[in-house]
Amino acid sequence: MSPWIQYTLLRLGLFAASLGVLLALQLDWWWAAIVASIIAMTVSYIFFGKLRDAVALDLAARREKPAVDPDAAAEDGLAP
């Protein structure tokens, strides 16, 4: 599984778990959502640095790799 999928699922899981706990504590839904997003952001920032770095390296590698288009030469030959 790619690192960005793992990191995204982990952050969504942290958000859902903290939202569920906050809603069980009878907090208003909008306050619970705000606090849950802050909790998920800070926990993932503090404890999941290696996974976040892997995501950044994966995105940088994708950006540097040129896109291969087999029809590019034919299309360039048709341009006036």
C-alpha atoms as a PDB file:
ATOM      1  CA  MET A   1       0.000   0.000   0.000  1.00  0.00           C
ATOM      2  CA  SER A   2       1.378   3.395  -0.889  1.00  0.00           C
ATOM      3  CA  PRO A   3       2.434   5.692   1.958  1.00  0.00           C
ATOM      4  CA  TRP A   4      -0.045   8.440   1.112  1.00  0.00           C
ATOM      5  CA  ILE A   5      -2.975   6.019   1.382  1.00  0.00           C
ATOM      6  CA  GLN A   6      -1.709   4.792   4.758  1.00  0.00           C
ATOM      7  CA  TYR A   7      -1.191   8.340   6.019  1.00  0.00           C
ATOM      8  CA  THR A   8      -4.608   9.482   4.809  1.00  0.00           C
ATOM      9  CA  LEU A   9      -6.405   6.498   6.351  1.00  0.00           C
ATOM     10  CA  LEU A  10      -4.504   6.978   9.596  1.00  0.00           C
ATOM     11  CA  ARG A  11      -5.475  10.637   9.837  1.00  0.00           C
ATOM     12  CA  LEU A  12      -9.099   9.900   8.958  1.00  0.00           C
ATOM     13  CA  GLY A  13      -9.142   7.161  11.586  1.00  0.00           C
ATOM     14  CA  LEU A  14      -7.737   9.518  14.214  1.00  0.00           C
ATOM     15  CA  PHE A  15     -10.333  12.113  13.275  1.00  0.00           C
ATOM     16  CA  ALA A  16     -13.206   9.618  13.412  1.00  0.00           C
ATOM     17  CA  ALA A  17     -12.094   8.140  16.733  1.00  0.00           C
ATOM     18  CA  SER A  18     -11.648  11.500  18.416  1.00  0.00           C
ATOM     19  CA  LEU A  19     -14.917  12.774  16.927  1.00  0.00           C
ATOM     20  CA  GLY A  20     -16.736   9.740  18.280  1.00  0.00           C
ATOM     21  CA  VAL A  21     -15.286  10.241  21.753  1.00  0.00           C
ATOM     22  CA  LEU A  22     -16.119  13.938  21.764  1.00  0.00           C
ATOM     23  CA  LEU A  23     -19.666  13.310  20.575  1.00  0.00           C
ATOM     24  CA  ALA A  24     -20.069  10.648  23.279  1.00  0.00           C
ATOM     25  CA  LEU A  25     -19.049  13.306  25.787  1.00  0.00           C
ATOM     26  CA  GLN A  26     -22.098  15.362  24.655  1.00  0.00           C
ATOM     27  CA  LEU A  27     -20.074  18.102  22.930  1.00  0.00           C
ATOM     28  CA  ASP A  28     -21.824  20.060  20.169  1.00  0.00           C
ATOM     29  CA  TRP A  29     -21.149  18.483  16.782  1.00  0.00           C
ATOM     30  CA  TRP A  30     -19.382  21.503  15.312  1.00  0.00           C
ATOM     31  CA  TRP A  31     -17.114  21.953  18.356  1.00  0.00           C
ATOM     32  CA  ALA A  32     -16.413  18.238  18.301  1.00  0.00           C
ATOM     33  CA  ALA A  33     -15.455  18.418  14.621  1.00  0.00           C
ATOM     34  CA  ILE A  34     -13.110  21.355  15.194  1.00  0.00           C
ATOM     35  CA  VAL A  35     -11.432  19.766  18.207  1.00  0.00           C
ATOM     36  CA  ALA A  36     -11.213  16.362  16.490  1.00  0.00           C
ATOM     37  CA  SER A  37      -9.483  17.889  13.466  1.00  0.00           C
ATOM     38  CA  ILE A  38      -6.983  19.664  15.723  1.00  0.00           C
ATOM     39  CA  ILE A  39      -6.337  16.430  17.636  1.00  0.00           C
ATOM     40  CA  ALA A  40      -5.837  14.416  14.447  1.00  0.00           C
ATOM     41  CA  MET A  41      -3.526  17.050  12.991  1.00  0.00           C
ATOM     42  CA  THR A  42      -1.315  17.375  16.067  1.00  0.00           C
ATOM     43  CA  VAL A  43      -1.096  13.637  16.783  1.00  0.00           C
ATOM     44  CA  SER A  44      -0.174  12.861  13.173  1.00  0.00           C
ATOM     45  CA  TYR A  45       2.370  15.697  13.131  1.00  0.00           C
ATOM     46  CA  ILE A  46       4.053  14.594  16.357  1.00  0.00           C
ATOM     47  CA  PHE A  47       3.990  10.804  16.048  1.00  0.00           C
ATOM     48  CA  PHE A  48       3.917  10.003  12.319  1.00  0.00           C
ATOM     49  CA  GLY A  49       6.831  12.013  10.932  1.00  0.00           C
ATOM     50  CA  LYS A  50       8.424   9.072   9.119  1.00  0.00           C
ATOM     51  CA  LEU A  51       5.206   8.283   7.280  1.00  0.00           C
ATOM     52  CA  ARG A  52       4.693  11.955   6.423  1.00  0.00           C
ATOM     53  CA  ASP A  53       8.247  12.123   5.038  1.00  0.00           C
ATOM     54  CA  ALA A  54       7.588   8.997   2.964  1.00  0.00           C
ATOM     55  CA  VAL A  55       4.503  10.673   1.496  1.00  0.00           C
ATOM     56  CA  ALA A  56       6.510  13.793   0.654  1.00  0.00           C
ATOM     57  CA  LEU A  57       9.246  11.746  -1.036  1.00  0.00           C
ATOM     58  CA  ASP A  58       6.666   9.755  -3.004  1.00  0.00           C
ATOM     59  CA  LEU A  59       4.971  12.926  -4.241  1.00  0.00           C
ATOM     60  CA  ALA A  60       8.325  14.487  -5.152  1.00  0.00           C
ATOM     61  CA  ALA A  61       9.314  11.382  -7.118  1.00  0.00           C
ATOM     62  CA  ARG A  62       6.018  11.457  -9.014  1.00  0.00           C
ATOM     63  CA  ARG A  63       6.480  15.119  -9.835  1.00  0.00           C
ATOM     64  CA  GLU A  64      10.029  14.649 -11.173  1.00  0.00           C
ATOM     65  CA  LYS A  65       9.180  11.673 -13.374  1.00  0.00           C
ATOM     66  CA  PRO A  66       8.283  12.827 -16.898  1.00  0.00           C
ATOM     67  CA  ALA A  67       5.000  11.602 -18.274  1.00  0.00           C
ATOM     68  CA  VAL A  68       5.412   9.111 -21.097  1.00  0.00           C
ATOM     69  CA  ASP A  69       3.068   9.750 -23.988  1.00  0.00           C
ATOM     70  CA  PRO A  70       3.470   7.345 -26.906  1.00  0.00           C
ATOM     71  CA  ASP A  71       1.545   9.619 -29.257  1.00  0.00           C
ATOM     72  CA  ALA A  72       3.525  12.764 -28.459  1.00  0.00           C
ATOM     73  CA  ALA A  73       5.887  12.439 -31.426  1.00  0.00           C
ATOM     74  CA  ALA A  74       3.019  11.915 -33.859  1.00  0.00           C
ATOM     75  CA  GLU A  75       1.093  14.841 -32.412  1.00  0.00           C
ATOM     76  CA  ASP A  76       4.141  17.104 -32.548  1.00  0.00           C
ATOM     77  CA  GLY A  77       4.650  16.206 -36.198  1.00  0.00           C
ATOM     78  CA  LEU A  78       1.116  17.387 -37.015  1.00  0.00           C
ATOM     79  CA  ALA A  79       1.547  20.803 -35.417  1.00  0.00           C
ATOM     80  CA  PRO A  80       2.043  23.636 -37.937  1.00  0.00           C
END
